[in-house]
Amino acid sequence: MKRLKYFLPFLFTIFLSSPLFAQGIVPQGMQNLTDQILEVFTGPLVRTILIIIFVATGIVFAYNKDNEKMKRNCIAIFVGIAIVGIGGEVVRQVWNAAGLR
């Protein structure tokens, strides 16, 4: 029981202080990996697919005006398209604000 009394503060000290030492480290491999991931989500192929899905959802939304369940599904798809569409820019802004680029 005595060991547990000293072990928990030691454990908290190690885990809470380790991020302080890691703040100045910016791994170069991580930047390249994030750039590649952003290219996948912001590339021309993904933009084209998002536009096609947006147009198809708009057509479905226009033809199913009386179906409330379909309206909710279409609005959910529109929100998803918006999140995927601006997600790359949000990540870029966060990385720039954090000084990682």
N, C-alpha and C. Protein backbone atom coordinates (compact mmCIF):
# COMPACT_ATOMS: atom_id res chain seq x y z
N MET A 1 0.82 -1.19 0.00
CA MET A 1 0.00 0.00 0.00
C MET A 1 0.86 1.26 0.00
N LYS A 2 2.02 1.15 0.66
CA LYS A 2 2.91 2.29 0.72
C LYS A 2 3.46 2.64 -0.65
N ARG A 3 3.71 1.63 -1.47
CA ARG A 3 4.22 1.86 -2.82
C ARG A 3 3.20 2.59 -3.69
N LEU A 4 1.96 2.22 -3.54
CA LEU A 4 0.90 2.86 -4.32
C LEU A 4 0.77 4.33 -3.96
N LYS A 5 1.03 4.66 -2.73
CA LYS A 5 0.95 6.04 -2.28
C LYS A 5 1.98 6.92 -2.99
N TYR A 6 3.15 6.39 -3.28
CA TYR A 6 4.19 7.15 -3.98
C TYR A 6 4.14 6.95 -5.49
N PHE A 7 3.57 5.87 -5.92
CA PHE A 7 3.57 5.55 -7.35
C PHE A 7 2.62 6.45 -8.13
N LEU A 8 1.44 6.70 -7.63
CA LEU A 8 0.47 7.53 -8.36
C LEU A 8 0.95 8.97 -8.57
N PRO A 9 1.50 9.65 -7.55
CA PRO A 9 2.03 11.00 -7.84
C PRO A 9 3.20 10.96 -8.83
N PHE A 10 4.03 9.94 -8.73
CA PHE A 10 5.13 9.81 -9.68
C PHE A 10 4.61 9.62 -11.10
N LEU A 11 3.59 8.78 -11.25
CA LEU A 11 3.00 8.53 -12.55
C LEU A 11 2.37 9.79 -13.13
N PHE A 12 1.64 10.53 -12.32
CA PHE A 12 1.05 11.78 -12.78
C PHE A 12 2.12 12.81 -13.15
N THR A 13 3.18 12.86 -12.39
CA THR A 13 4.26 13.80 -12.69
C THR A 13 4.89 13.49 -14.03
N ILE A 14 5.15 12.24 -14.30
CA ILE A 14 5.76 11.84 -15.56
C ILE A 14 4.83 12.14 -16.73
N PHE A 15 3.58 11.76 -16.63
CA PHE A 15 2.66 11.94 -17.74
C PHE A 15 2.24 13.38 -17.95
N LEU A 16 2.19 14.17 -16.90
CA LEU A 16 1.80 15.56 -17.06
C LEU A 16 2.95 16.46 -17.47
N SER A 17 4.17 16.07 -17.16
CA SER A 17 5.31 16.91 -17.52
C SER A 17 5.92 16.54 -18.86
N SER A 18 5.67 15.38 -19.37
CA SER A 18 6.28 14.98 -20.64
C SER A 18 5.86 15.85 -21.83
N PRO A 19 4.62 16.34 -21.91
CA PRO A 19 4.30 17.24 -23.04
C PRO A 19 5.08 18.56 -22.99
N LEU A 20 5.50 18.98 -21.80
CA LEU A 20 6.27 20.22 -21.71
C LEU A 20 7.61 20.10 -22.42
N PHE A 21 8.21 18.92 -22.37
CA PHE A 21 9.49 18.70 -23.02
C PHE A 21 9.34 18.47 -24.51
N ALA A 22 8.17 18.06 -24.95
CA ALA A 22 7.97 17.73 -26.36
C ALA A 22 7.42 18.89 -27.17
N GLN A 23 7.26 20.06 -26.61
CA GLN A 23 6.65 21.17 -27.33
C GLN A 23 7.51 21.67 -28.47
N GLY A 24 8.80 21.67 -28.32
CA GLY A 24 9.67 22.21 -29.36
C GLY A 24 9.97 21.26 -30.49
N ILE A 25 9.49 20.05 -30.41
CA ILE A 25 9.80 19.05 -31.43
C ILE A 25 8.73 19.07 -32.51
N VAL A 26 9.15 19.29 -33.75
CA VAL A 26 8.25 19.23 -34.89
C VAL A 26 8.80 18.19 -35.85
N PRO A 27 8.24 17.00 -35.87
CA PRO A 27 8.77 15.96 -36.74
C PRO A 27 8.52 16.28 -38.21
N GLN A 28 9.57 16.22 -39.00
CA GLN A 28 9.45 16.53 -40.42
C GLN A 28 8.63 15.47 -41.15
N GLY A 29 8.74 14.23 -40.74
CA GLY A 29 7.95 13.18 -41.37
C GLY A 29 6.46 13.38 -41.17
N MET A 30 6.11 13.96 -40.04
CA MET A 30 4.70 14.23 -39.76
C MET A 30 4.14 15.29 -40.69
N GLN A 31 4.94 16.31 -41.01
CA GLN A 31 4.48 17.34 -41.93
C GLN A 31 4.24 16.75 -43.32
N ASN A 32 5.15 15.90 -43.78
CA ASN A 32 4.97 15.30 -45.09
C ASN A 32 3.74 14.41 -45.12
N LEU A 33 3.52 13.67 -44.05
CA LEU A 33 2.36 12.79 -43.98
C LEU A 33 1.07 13.59 -44.00
N THR A 34 1.01 14.68 -43.24
CA THR A 34 -0.21 15.48 -43.22
C THR A 34 -0.44 16.16 -44.57
N ASP A 35 0.62 16.57 -45.24
CA ASP A 35 0.46 17.15 -46.57
C ASP A 35 -0.11 16.12 -47.54
N GLN A 36 0.35 14.88 -47.44
CA GLN A 36 -0.18 13.83 -48.32
C GLN A 36 -1.65 13.55 -48.02
N ILE A 37 -2.00 13.52 -46.74
CA ILE A 37 -3.40 13.28 -46.38
C ILE A 37 -4.28 14.43 -46.85
N LEU A 38 -3.80 15.66 -46.70
CA LEU A 38 -4.58 16.81 -47.18
C LEU A 38 -4.75 16.78 -48.69
N GLU A 39 -3.73 16.33 -49.40
CA GLU A 39 -3.85 16.23 -50.86
C GLU A 39 -4.93 15.23 -51.26
N VAL A 40 -5.05 14.16 -50.50
CA VAL A 40 -6.09 13.17 -50.80
C VAL A 40 -7.47 13.78 -50.65
N PHE A 41 -7.69 14.55 -49.57
CA PHE A 41 -9.01 15.11 -49.30
C PHE A 41 -9.30 16.40 -50.05
N THR A 42 -8.31 17.06 -50.59
CA THR A 42 -8.54 18.32 -51.29
C THR A 42 -8.17 18.25 -52.76
N GLY A 43 -7.88 17.07 -53.24
CA GLY A 43 -7.48 16.91 -54.64
C GLY A 43 -8.65 17.09 -55.60
N PRO A 44 -8.34 17.16 -56.88
CA PRO A 44 -9.40 17.38 -57.88
C PRO A 44 -10.38 16.20 -57.99
N LEU A 45 -9.91 14.99 -57.75
CA LEU A 45 -10.82 13.83 -57.83
C LEU A 45 -11.88 13.90 -56.74
N VAL A 46 -11.48 14.23 -55.52
CA VAL A 46 -12.44 14.33 -54.42
C VAL A 46 -13.40 15.48 -54.65
N ARG A 47 -12.89 16.60 -55.15
CA ARG A 47 -13.77 17.75 -55.44
C ARG A 47 -14.81 17.37 -56.49
N THR A 48 -14.40 16.64 -57.51
CA THR A 48 -15.33 16.22 -58.56
C THR A 48 -16.39 15.28 -58.00
N ILE A 49 -15.98 14.35 -57.17
CA ILE A 49 -16.93 13.42 -56.56
C ILE A 49 -17.92 14.17 -55.67
N LEU A 50 -17.42 15.14 -54.90
CA LEU A 50 -18.30 15.92 -54.04
C LEU A 50 -19.32 16.73 -54.85
N ILE A 51 -18.89 17.28 -55.98
CA ILE A 51 -19.82 18.04 -56.83
C ILE A 51 -20.89 17.13 -57.41
N ILE A 52 -20.50 15.94 -57.86
CA ILE A 52 -21.47 14.99 -58.41
C ILE A 52 -22.47 14.57 -57.34
N ILE A 53 -22.00 14.27 -56.14
CA ILE A 53 -22.90 13.89 -55.05
C ILE A 53 -23.81 15.06 -54.67
N PHE A 54 -23.27 16.27 -54.68
CA PHE A 54 -24.08 17.45 -54.36
C PHE A 54 -25.21 17.63 -55.36
N VAL A 55 -24.90 17.51 -56.64
CA VAL A 55 -25.92 17.67 -57.68
C VAL A 55 -26.97 16.56 -57.58
N ALA A 56 -26.51 15.31 -57.39
CA ALA A 56 -27.46 14.19 -57.28
C ALA A 56 -28.36 14.36 -56.06
N THR A 57 -27.80 14.80 -54.96
CA THR A 57 -28.61 15.01 -53.76
C THR A 57 -29.60 16.15 -53.96
N GLY A 58 -29.18 17.19 -54.67
CA GLY A 58 -30.10 18.30 -54.97
C GLY A 58 -31.27 17.84 -55.82
N ILE A 59 -31.00 16.98 -56.79
CA ILE A 59 -32.08 16.45 -57.63
C ILE A 59 -33.03 15.59 -56.80
N VAL A 60 -32.47 14.72 -55.95
CA VAL A 60 -33.32 13.88 -55.09
C VAL A 60 -34.14 14.75 -54.15
N PHE A 61 -33.53 15.80 -53.62
CA PHE A 61 -34.23 16.71 -52.71
C PHE A 61 -35.38 17.43 -53.43
N ALA A 62 -35.16 17.81 -54.68
CA ALA A 62 -36.20 18.52 -55.45
C ALA A 62 -37.38 17.61 -55.79
N TYR A 63 -37.11 16.35 -56.11
CA TYR A 63 -38.19 15.45 -56.52
C TYR A 63 -38.94 14.84 -55.33
N ASN A 64 -38.38 14.87 -54.15
CA ASN A 64 -39.04 14.28 -52.98
C ASN A 64 -39.42 15.36 -51.98
N LYS A 65 -40.18 16.32 -52.41
CA LYS A 65 -40.55 17.43 -51.54
C LYS A 65 -41.49 16.99 -50.41
N ASP A 66 -42.32 16.00 -50.66
CA ASP A 66 -43.31 15.60 -49.66
C ASP A 66 -42.77 14.57 -48.67
N ASN A 67 -41.66 13.94 -48.97
CA ASN A 67 -41.11 12.89 -48.12
C ASN A 67 -40.17 13.52 -47.09
N GLU A 68 -40.62 13.59 -45.84
CA GLU A 68 -39.84 14.25 -44.78
C GLU A 68 -38.57 13.46 -44.43
N LYS A 69 -38.65 12.14 -44.47
CA LYS A 69 -37.47 11.32 -44.16
C LYS A 69 -36.38 11.55 -45.20
N MET A 70 -36.77 11.63 -46.45
CA MET A 70 -35.80 11.86 -47.51
C MET A 70 -35.19 13.26 -47.39
N LYS A 71 -36.01 14.24 -46.99
CA LYS A 71 -35.49 15.60 -46.78
C LYS A 71 -34.39 15.60 -45.72
N ARG A 72 -34.65 14.90 -44.60
CA ARG A 72 -33.65 14.84 -43.53
C ARG A 72 -32.37 14.16 -44.00
N ASN A 73 -32.52 13.11 -44.78
CA ASN A 73 -31.34 12.42 -45.31
C ASN A 73 -30.55 13.32 -46.26
N CYS A 74 -31.25 14.05 -47.11
CA CYS A 74 -30.58 14.95 -48.05
C CYS A 74 -29.85 16.07 -47.32
N ILE A 75 -30.47 16.62 -46.30
CA ILE A 75 -29.82 17.68 -45.53
C ILE A 75 -28.59 17.14 -44.82
N ALA A 76 -28.67 15.92 -44.31
CA ALA A 76 -27.51 15.30 -43.67
C ALA A 76 -26.37 15.11 -44.69
N ILE A 77 -26.72 14.73 -45.90
CA ILE A 77 -25.70 14.57 -46.95
C ILE A 77 -25.10 15.92 -47.31
N PHE A 78 -25.91 16.96 -47.40
CA PHE A 78 -25.38 18.30 -47.68
C PHE A 78 -24.39 18.75 -46.60
N VAL A 79 -24.74 18.50 -45.35
CA VAL A 79 -23.85 18.88 -44.25
C VAL A 79 -22.55 18.07 -44.32
N GLY A 80 -22.65 16.79 -44.62
CA GLY A 80 -21.45 15.96 -44.77
C GLY A 80 -20.55 16.43 -45.89
N ILE A 81 -21.15 16.82 -47.01
CA ILE A 81 -20.37 17.34 -48.14
C ILE A 81 -19.67 18.63 -47.74
N ALA A 82 -20.36 19.48 -47.00
CA ALA A 82 -19.74 20.74 -46.56
C ALA A 82 -18.57 20.48 -45.61
N ILE A 83 -18.72 19.53 -44.70
CA ILE A 83 -17.65 19.23 -43.76
C ILE A 83 -16.44 18.66 -44.49
N VAL A 84 -16.65 17.73 -45.40
CA VAL A 84 -15.53 17.16 -46.16
C VAL A 84 -14.92 18.22 -47.06
N GLY A 85 -15.75 19.09 -47.62
CA GLY A 85 -15.25 20.13 -48.53
C GLY A 85 -14.36 21.15 -47.85
N ILE A 86 -14.70 21.56 -46.62
CA ILE A 86 -13.89 22.58 -45.96
C ILE A 86 -12.92 21.99 -44.94
N GLY A 87 -12.95 20.69 -44.77
CA GLY A 87 -12.09 20.05 -43.77
C GLY A 87 -10.60 20.28 -44.01
N GLY A 88 -10.17 20.23 -45.26
CA GLY A 88 -8.76 20.45 -45.57
C GLY A 88 -8.30 21.83 -45.21
N GLU A 89 -9.13 22.81 -45.48
CA GLU A 89 -8.77 24.20 -45.16
C GLU A 89 -8.73 24.42 -43.65
N VAL A 90 -9.64 23.79 -42.93
CA VAL A 90 -9.64 23.91 -41.47
C VAL A 90 -8.35 23.32 -40.89
N VAL A 91 -7.95 22.16 -41.40
CA VAL A 91 -6.71 21.54 -40.92
C VAL A 91 -5.51 22.41 -41.26
N ARG A 92 -5.47 22.99 -42.44
CA ARG A 92 -4.37 23.88 -42.80
C ARG A 92 -4.29 25.09 -41.87
N GLN A 93 -5.44 25.67 -41.55
CA GLN A 93 -5.46 26.83 -40.67
C GLN A 93 -5.00 26.46 -39.26
N VAL A 94 -5.40 25.29 -38.78
CA VAL A 94 -4.97 24.86 -37.45
C VAL A 94 -3.47 24.63 -37.42
N TRP A 95 -2.94 23.98 -38.47
CA TRP A 95 -1.50 23.74 -38.52
C TRP A 95 -0.74 25.05 -38.61
N ASN A 96 -1.25 26.00 -39.38
CA ASN A 96 -0.57 27.30 -39.49
C ASN A 96 -0.65 28.07 -38.18
N ALA A 97 -1.78 28.02 -37.49
CA ALA A 97 -1.93 28.73 -36.23
C ALA A 97 -1.05 28.13 -35.15
N ALA A 98 -0.83 26.83 -35.22
CA ALA A 98 0.01 26.17 -34.22
C ALA A 98 1.50 26.35 -34.53
N GLY A 99 1.82 26.88 -35.69
CA GLY A 99 3.22 27.09 -36.05
C GLY A 99 3.92 25.83 -36.51
N LEU A 100 3.16 24.86 -36.95
CA LEU A 100 3.75 23.60 -37.38
C LEU A 100 4.11 23.58 -38.85
N ARG A 101 3.79 24.62 -39.58
CA ARG A 101 4.14 24.68 -41.00
C ARG A 101 5.11 25.78 -41.22
